[in-house]
Amino acid sequence: VELGPGRGTLMKDAMRAAQVVPPFRKAVVLDLVE
């Protein structure tokens, strides 16, 4: 969950980095409070 995600830049970069932990990346559902 991101509160006030701006342009989505933080979450875009975070999800790219999360690819190094594939089980976490697979578990993620994104909820954006905006």
All heavy atoms as atom14 arrays in JSON, in Angstrom:
{
  "sequence": "VELGPGRGTLMKDAMRAAQVVPPFRKAVVLDLVE",
  "atom14_mask": [
    [1, 1, 1, 1, 1, 1, 1, 0, 0, 0, 0, 0, 0, 0],
    [1, 1, 1, 1, 1, 1, 1, 1, 1, 0, 0, 0, 0, 0],
    [1, 1, 1, 1, 1, 1, 1, 1, 0, 0, 0, 0, 0, 0],
    [1, 1, 1, 1, 0, 0, 0, 0, 0, 0, 0, 0, 0, 0],
    [1, 1, 1, 1, 1, 1, 1, 0, 0, 0, 0, 0, 0, 0],
    [1, 1, 1, 1, 0, 0, 0, 0, 0, 0, 0, 0, 0, 0],
    [1, 1, 1, 1, 1, 1, 1, 1, 1, 1, 1, 0, 0, 0],
    [1, 1, 1, 1, 0, 0, 0, 0, 0, 0, 0, 0, 0, 0],
    [1, 1, 1, 1, 1, 1, 1, 0, 0, 0, 0, 0, 0, 0],
    [1, 1, 1, 1, 1, 1, 1, 1, 0, 0, 0, 0, 0, 0],
    [1, 1, 1, 1, 1, 1, 1, 1, 0, 0, 0, 0, 0, 0],
    [1, 1, 1, 1, 1, 1, 1, 1, 1, 0, 0, 0, 0, 0],
    [1, 1, 1, 1, 1, 1, 1, 1, 0, 0, 0, 0, 0, 0],
    [1, 1, 1, 1, 1, 0, 0, 0, 0, 0, 0, 0, 0, 0],
    [1, 1, 1, 1, 1, 1, 1, 1, 0, 0, 0, 0, 0, 0],
    [1, 1, 1, 1, 1, 1, 1, 1, 1, 1, 1, 0, 0, 0],
    [1, 1, 1, 1, 1, 0, 0, 0, 0, 0, 0, 0, 0, 0],
    [1, 1, 1, 1, 1, 0, 0, 0, 0, 0, 0, 0, 0, 0],
    [1, 1, 1, 1, 1, 1, 1, 1, 1, 0, 0, 0, 0, 0],
    [1, 1, 1, 1, 1, 1, 1, 0, 0, 0, 0, 0, 0, 0],
    [1, 1, 1, 1, 1, 1, 1, 0, 0, 0, 0, 0, 0, 0],
    [1, 1, 1, 1, 1, 1, 1, 0, 0, 0, 0, 0, 0, 0],
    [1, 1, 1, 1, 1, 1, 1, 0, 0, 0, 0, 0, 0, 0],
    [1, 1, 1, 1, 1, 1, 1, 1, 1, 1, 1, 0, 0, 0],
    [1, 1, 1, 1, 1, 1, 1, 1, 1, 1, 1, 0, 0, 0],
    [1, 1, 1, 1, 1, 1, 1, 1, 1, 0, 0, 0, 0, 0],
    [1, 1, 1, 1, 1, 0, 0, 0, 0, 0, 0, 0, 0, 0],
    [1, 1, 1, 1, 1, 1, 1, 0, 0, 0, 0, 0, 0, 0],
    [1, 1, 1, 1, 1, 1, 1, 0, 0, 0, 0, 0, 0, 0],
    [1, 1, 1, 1, 1, 1, 1, 1, 0, 0, 0, 0, 0, 0],
    [1, 1, 1, 1, 1, 1, 1, 1, 0, 0, 0, 0, 0, 0],
    [1, 1, 1, 1, 1, 1, 1, 1, 0, 0, 0, 0, 0, 0],
    [1, 1, 1, 1, 1, 1, 1, 0, 0, 0, 0, 0, 0, 0],
    [1, 1, 1, 1, 1, 1, 1, 1, 1, 0, 0, 0, 0, 0]
  ],
  "atom14_positions": [
    [[0.86, -1.19, 0.0], [0.0, 0.0, 0.0], [0.9, 1.23, 0.0], [1.79, 1.36, 0.85], [-0.9, 0.02, 1.25], [-1.85, 1.22, 1.21], [-1.68, -1.28, 1.37], [0.0, 0.0, 0.0], [0.0, 0.0, 0.0], [0.0, 0.0, 0.0], [0.0, 0.0, 0.0], [0.0, 0.0, 0.0], [0.0, 0.0, 0.0], [0.0, 0.0, 0.0]],
    [[0.68, 2.15, -0.94], [1.4, 3.41, -0.89], [0.4, 4.55, -0.7], [-0.59, 4.66, -1.41], [2.23, 3.66, -2.15], [3.12, 4.9, -1.97], [4.12, 5.14, -3.08], [4.13, 4.4, -4.08], [4.9, 6.1, -2.95], [0.0, 0.0, 0.0], [0.0, 0.0, 0.0], [0.0, 0.0, 0.0], [0.0, 0.0, 0.0], [0.0, 0.0, 0.0]],
    [[0.69, 5.39, 0.28], [-0.14, 6.55, 0.57], [0.43, 7.75, -0.18], [1.57, 8.15, 0.06], [-0.16, 6.84, 2.08], [-0.49, 5.66, 3.0], [-0.49, 6.13, 4.45], [-1.83, 5.04, 2.63], [0.0, 0.0, 0.0], [0.0, 0.0, 0.0], [0.0, 0.0, 0.0], [0.0, 0.0, 0.0], [0.0, 0.0, 0.0], [0.0, 0.0, 0.0]],
    [[-0.35, 8.31, -1.11], [0.13, 9.43, -1.9], [1.29, 9.04, -2.79], [2.42, 9.51, -2.6], [0.0, 0.0, 0.0], [0.0, 0.0, 0.0], [0.0, 0.0, 0.0], [0.0, 0.0, 0.0], [0.0, 0.0, 0.0], [0.0, 0.0, 0.0], [0.0, 0.0, 0.0], [0.0, 0.0, 0.0], [0.0, 0.0, 0.0], [0.0, 0.0, 0.0]],
    [[1.06, 8.2, -3.8], [2.16, 7.63, -4.58], [2.79, 8.54, -5.64], [3.64, 8.09, -6.41], [1.51, 6.42, -5.29], [0.16, 6.25, -4.65], [-0.23, 7.6, -4.17], [0.0, 0.0, 0.0], [0.0, 0.0, 0.0], [0.0, 0.0, 0.0], [0.0, 0.0, 0.0], [0.0, 0.0, 0.0], [0.0, 0.0, 0.0], [0.0, 0.0, 0.0]],
    [[2.39, 9.82, -5.7], [3.02, 10.72, -6.68], [2.78, 10.24, -8.09], [1.66, 9.93, -8.49], [0.0, 0.0, 0.0], [0.0, 0.0, 0.0], [0.0, 0.0, 0.0], [0.0, 0.0, 0.0], [0.0, 0.0, 0.0], [0.0, 0.0, 0.0], [0.0, 0.0, 0.0], [0.0, 0.0, 0.0], [0.0, 0.0, 0.0], [0.0, 0.0, 0.0]],
    [[3.85, 10.16, -8.86], [3.75, 9.67, -10.24], [3.87, 8.15, -10.34], [3.85, 7.6, -11.43], [4.87, 10.28, -11.08], [4.69, 11.74, -11.41], [5.92, 12.2, -12.17], [5.71, 13.49, -12.8], [6.65, 14.14, -13.47], [7.86, 13.61, -13.58], [6.4, 15.31, -14.01], [0.0, 0.0, 0.0], [0.0, 0.0, 0.0], [0.0, 0.0, 0.0]],
    [[4.05, 7.49, -9.2], [4.28, 6.05, -9.23], [5.74, 5.69, -9.36], [6.08, 4.51, -9.5], [0.0, 0.0, 0.0], [0.0, 0.0, 0.0], [0.0, 0.0, 0.0], [0.0, 0.0, 0.0], [0.0, 0.0, 0.0], [0.0, 0.0, 0.0], [0.0, 0.0, 0.0], [0.0, 0.0, 0.0], [0.0, 0.0, 0.0], [0.0, 0.0, 0.0]],
    [[6.62, 6.69, -9.31], [8.05, 6.46, -9.53], [8.65, 5.57, -8.45], [9.4, 4.62, -8.74], [8.8, 7.8, -9.58], [8.22, 8.62, -10.58], [10.27, 7.58, -9.91], [0.0, 0.0, 0.0], [0.0, 0.0, 0.0], [0.0, 0.0, 0.0], [0.0, 0.0, 0.0], [0.0, 0.0, 0.0], [0.0, 0.0, 0.0], [0.0, 0.0, 0.0]],
    [[8.34, 5.86, -7.18], [8.9, 5.05, -6.09], [8.49, 3.59, -6.27], [9.33, 2.69, -6.19], [8.42, 5.6, -4.74], [8.96, 4.94, -3.47], [8.87, 5.93, -2.29], [8.25, 3.65, -3.09], [0.0, 0.0, 0.0], [0.0, 0.0, 0.0], [0.0, 0.0, 0.0], [0.0, 0.0, 0.0], [0.0, 0.0, 0.0], [0.0, 0.0, 0.0]],
    [[7.21, 3.36, -6.49], [6.73, 1.99, -6.57], [7.23, 1.28, -7.82], [7.52, 0.08, -7.81], [5.2, 1.97, -6.5], [4.63, 0.62, -6.12], [5.33, -0.11, -4.6], [4.78, 1.07, -3.36], [0.0, 0.0, 0.0], [0.0, 0.0, 0.0], [0.0, 0.0, 0.0], [0.0, 0.0, 0.0], [0.0, 0.0, 0.0], [0.0, 0.0, 0.0]],
    [[7.38, 2.02, -8.91], [7.94, 1.43, -10.14], [9.35, 0.91, -9.87], [9.69, -0.23, -10.23], [7.96, 2.48, -11.26], [8.62, 2.01, -12.55], [8.75, 3.17, -13.54], [9.77, 4.2, -13.06], [9.99, 5.27, -14.04], [0.0, 0.0, 0.0], [0.0, 0.0, 0.0], [0.0, 0.0, 0.0], [0.0, 0.0, 0.0], [0.0, 0.0, 0.0]],
    [[10.18, 1.74, -9.24], [11.56, 1.33, -8.95], [11.59, 0.22, -7.9], [12.41, -0.7, -7.97], [12.37, 2.53, -8.47], [12.56, 3.59, -9.56], [12.51, 3.22, -10.75], [12.77, 4.76, -9.22], [0.0, 0.0, 0.0], [0.0, 0.0, 0.0], [0.0, 0.0, 0.0], [0.0, 0.0, 0.0], [0.0, 0.0, 0.0], [0.0, 0.0, 0.0]],
    [[10.69, 0.3, -6.91], [10.64, -0.72, -5.86], [10.27, -2.09, -6.43], [10.87, -3.11, -6.07], [9.64, -0.31, -4.78], [0.0, 0.0, 0.0], [0.0, 0.0, 0.0], [0.0, 0.0, 0.0], [0.0, 0.0, 0.0], [0.0, 0.0, 0.0], [0.0, 0.0, 0.0], [0.0, 0.0, 0.0], [0.0, 0.0, 0.0], [0.0, 0.0, 0.0]],
    [[9.31, -2.11, -7.33], [8.88, -3.39, -7.9], [9.94, -3.97, -8.84], [10.07, -5.18, -8.96], [7.54, -3.21, -8.61], [6.36, -2.98, -7.66], [6.07, -4.34, -6.51], [6.85, -3.72, -5.0], [0.0, 0.0, 0.0], [0.0, 0.0, 0.0], [0.0, 0.0, 0.0], [0.0, 0.0, 0.0], [0.0, 0.0, 0.0], [0.0, 0.0, 0.0]],
    [[10.68, -3.09, -9.5], [11.79, -3.6, -10.33], [12.85, -4.26, -9.45], [13.33, -5.35, -9.74], [12.41, -2.46, -11.13], [13.5, -2.95, -12.11], [14.07, -1.84, -12.95], [14.74, -0.82, -12.13], [14.27, 0.4, -11.91], [13.12, 0.77, -12.45], [14.94, 1.24, -11.16], [0.0, 0.0, 0.0], [0.0, 0.0, 0.0], [0.0, 0.0, 0.0]],
    [[13.19, -3.6, -8.34], [14.18, -4.17, -7.43], [13.66, -5.45, -6.78], [14.44, -6.37, -6.49], [14.54, -3.15, -6.35], [0.0, 0.0, 0.0], [0.0, 0.0, 0.0], [0.0, 0.0, 0.0], [0.0, 0.0, 0.0], [0.0, 0.0, 0.0], [0.0, 0.0, 0.0], [0.0, 0.0, 0.0], [0.0, 0.0, 0.0], [0.0, 0.0, 0.0]],
    [[12.36, -5.54, -6.57], [11.78, -6.71, -5.92], [11.9, -7.96, -6.76], [11.72, -9.08, -6.25], [10.3, -6.44, -5.59], [0.0, 0.0, 0.0], [0.0, 0.0, 0.0], [0.0, 0.0, 0.0], [0.0, 0.0, 0.0], [0.0, 0.0, 0.0], [0.0, 0.0, 0.0], [0.0, 0.0, 0.0], [0.0, 0.0, 0.0], [0.0, 0.0, 0.0]],
    [[12.24, -7.8, -8.03], [12.39, -8.97, -8.89], [13.54, -9.86, -8.44], [13.59, -11.04, -8.82], [12.61, -8.52, -10.34], [11.35, -7.91, -10.95], [11.6, -7.3, -12.33], [12.73, -7.02, -12.71], [10.52, -7.09, -13.06], [0.0, 0.0, 0.0], [0.0, 0.0, 0.0], [0.0, 0.0, 0.0], [0.0, 0.0, 0.0], [0.0, 0.0, 0.0]],
    [[14.45, -9.35, -7.62], [15.54, -10.2, -7.11], [15.04, -11.16, -6.03], [15.77, -12.07, -5.63], [16.72, -9.35, -6.56], [17.26, -8.42, -7.63], [16.31, -8.57, -5.31], [0.0, 0.0, 0.0], [0.0, 0.0, 0.0], [0.0, 0.0, 0.0], [0.0, 0.0, 0.0], [0.0, 0.0, 0.0], [0.0, 0.0, 0.0], [0.0, 0.0, 0.0]],
    [[13.81, -10.95, -5.56], [13.17, -11.88, -4.62], [11.85, -12.33, -5.26], [10.77, -11.85, -4.91], [12.92, -11.22, -3.25], [12.41, -12.25, -2.24], [14.17, -10.53, -2.74], [0.0, 0.0, 0.0], [0.0, 0.0, 0.0], [0.0, 0.0, 0.0], [0.0, 0.0, 0.0], [0.0, 0.0, 0.0], [0.0, 0.0, 0.0], [0.0, 0.0, 0.0]],
    [[11.92, -13.26, -6.25], [10.73, -13.61, -7.03], [9.51, -14.01, -6.2], [8.39, -13.62, -6.56], [11.23, -14.76, -7.91], [12.7, -14.52, -8.05], [13.13, -13.96, -6.73], [0.0, 0.0, 0.0], [0.0, 0.0, 0.0], [0.0, 0.0, 0.0], [0.0, 0.0, 0.0], [0.0, 0.0, 0.0], [0.0, 0.0, 0.0], [0.0, 0.0, 0.0]],
    [[9.65, -14.78, -5.1], [8.44, -15.13, -4.35], [7.73, -13.91, -3.76], [6.49, -13.88, -3.71], [8.97, -16.04, -3.23], [10.27, -16.58, -3.74], [10.85, -15.47, -4.56], [0.0, 0.0, 0.0], [0.0, 0.0, 0.0], [0.0, 0.0, 0.0], [0.0, 0.0, 0.0], [0.0, 0.0, 0.0], [0.0, 0.0, 0.0], [0.0, 0.0, 0.0]],
    [[8.5, -12.9, -3.34], [7.87, -11.67, -2.84], [7.16, -10.96, -3.96], [6.0, -10.56, -3.83], [8.93, -10.76, -2.21], [8.44, -9.35, -1.94], [7.38, -9.13, -1.07], [9.02, -8.26, -2.57], [6.91, -7.84, -0.83], [8.57, -6.96, -2.33], [7.51, -6.76, -1.46], [0.0, 0.0, 0.0], [0.0, 0.0, 0.0], [0.0, 0.0, 0.0]],
    [[7.84, -10.8, -5.08], [7.26, -10.1, -6.24], [5.94, -10.76, -6.66], [4.96, -10.08, -6.98], [8.29, -10.12, -7.36], [7.87, -9.5, -8.66], [7.77, -7.98, -8.57], [7.8, -7.42, -9.91], [6.86, -7.62, -10.83], [5.81, -8.38, -10.54], [6.97, -7.09, -12.02], [0.0, 0.0, 0.0], [0.0, 0.0, 0.0], [0.0, 0.0, 0.0]],
    [[5.92, -12.09, -6.63], [4.72, -12.84, -7.02], [3.59, -12.63, -6.01], [2.4, -12.67, -6.38], [5.06, -14.33, -7.13], [3.91, -15.18, -7.66], [4.33, -16.63, -7.78], [3.16, -17.49, -8.28], [3.53, -18.93, -8.35], [0.0, 0.0, 0.0], [0.0, 0.0, 0.0], [0.0, 0.0, 0.0], [0.0, 0.0, 0.0], [0.0, 0.0, 0.0]],
    [[3.93, -12.38, -4.75], [2.92, -12.25, -3.7], [2.25, -10.88, -3.67], [1.19, -10.71, -3.07], [3.57, -12.52, -2.34], [0.0, 0.0, 0.0], [0.0, 0.0, 0.0], [0.0, 0.0, 0.0], [0.0, 0.0, 0.0], [0.0, 0.0, 0.0], [0.0, 0.0, 0.0], [0.0, 0.0, 0.0], [0.0, 0.0, 0.0], [0.0, 0.0, 0.0]],
    [[2.85, -9.91, -4.36], [2.41, -8.51, -4.21], [1.1, -8.22, -4.94], [0.92, -8.58, -6.11], [3.51, -7.55, -4.73], [2.97, -6.12, -4.85], [4.72, -7.57, -3.79], [0.0, 0.0, 0.0], [0.0, 0.0, 0.0], [0.0, 0.0, 0.0], [0.0, 0.0, 0.0], [0.0, 0.0, 0.0], [0.0, 0.0, 0.0], [0.0, 0.0, 0.0]],
    [[0.21, -7.56, -4.22], [-0.96, -6.89, -4.8], [-0.82, -5.41, -4.44], [-0.61, -5.07, -3.27], [-2.27, -7.45, -4.22], [-3.46, -6.63, -4.69], [-2.45, -8.91, -4.59], [0.0, 0.0, 0.0], [0.0, 0.0, 0.0], [0.0, 0.0, 0.0], [0.0, 0.0, 0.0], [0.0, 0.0, 0.0], [0.0, 0.0, 0.0], [0.0, 0.0, 0.0]],
    [[-0.9, -4.52, -5.43], [-0.68, -3.1, -5.19], [-1.99, -2.37, -4.89], [-2.97, -2.49, -5.62], [-0.04, -2.44, -6.43], [1.46, -2.57, -6.61], [1.89, -1.85, -7.89], [2.22, -1.98, -5.42], [0.0, 0.0, 0.0], [0.0, 0.0, 0.0], [0.0, 0.0, 0.0], [0.0, 0.0, 0.0], [0.0, 0.0, 0.0], [0.0, 0.0, 0.0]],
    [[-1.98, -1.61, -3.8], [-3.11, -0.77, -3.42], [-2.59, 0.66, -3.28], [-1.73, 0.93, -2.43], [-3.72, -1.23, -2.1], [-4.36, -2.61, -2.23], [-5.03, -2.85, -3.25], [-4.18, -3.43, -1.32], [0.0, 0.0, 0.0], [0.0, 0.0, 0.0], [0.0, 0.0, 0.0], [0.0, 0.0, 0.0], [0.0, 0.0, 0.0], [0.0, 0.0, 0.0]],
    [[-3.09, 1.57, -4.1], [-2.59, 2.94, -4.15], [-3.65, 3.89, -3.61], [-4.77, 3.94, -4.12], [-2.22, 3.3, -5.59], [-1.23, 2.33, -6.26], [-1.1, 2.62, -7.75], [0.13, 2.4, -5.59], [0.0, 0.0, 0.0], [0.0, 0.0, 0.0], [0.0, 0.0, 0.0], [0.0, 0.0, 0.0], [0.0, 0.0, 0.0], [0.0, 0.0, 0.0]],
    [[-3.3, 4.61, -2.55], [-4.23, 5.55, -1.92], [-3.94, 6.93, -2.48], [-2.92, 7.55, -2.16], [-4.09, 5.52, -0.39], [-5.02, 6.54, 0.25], [-4.39, 4.11, 0.14], [0.0, 0.0, 0.0], [0.0, 0.0, 0.0], [0.0, 0.0, 0.0], [0.0, 0.0, 0.0], [0.0, 0.0, 0.0], [0.0, 0.0, 0.0], [0.0, 0.0, 0.0]],
    [[-4.83, 7.41, -3.34], [-4.58, 8.64, -4.1], [-5.91, 9.33, -4.41], [-6.84, 8.68, -4.88], [-3.85, 8.31, -5.41], [-3.61, 9.48, -6.33], [-2.72, 10.53, -5.68], [-1.53, 10.23, -5.46], [-3.24, 11.61, -5.36], [0.0, 0.0, 0.0], [0.0, 0.0, 0.0], [0.0, 0.0, 0.0], [0.0, 0.0, 0.0], [0.0, 0.0, 0.0]]
  ]
}
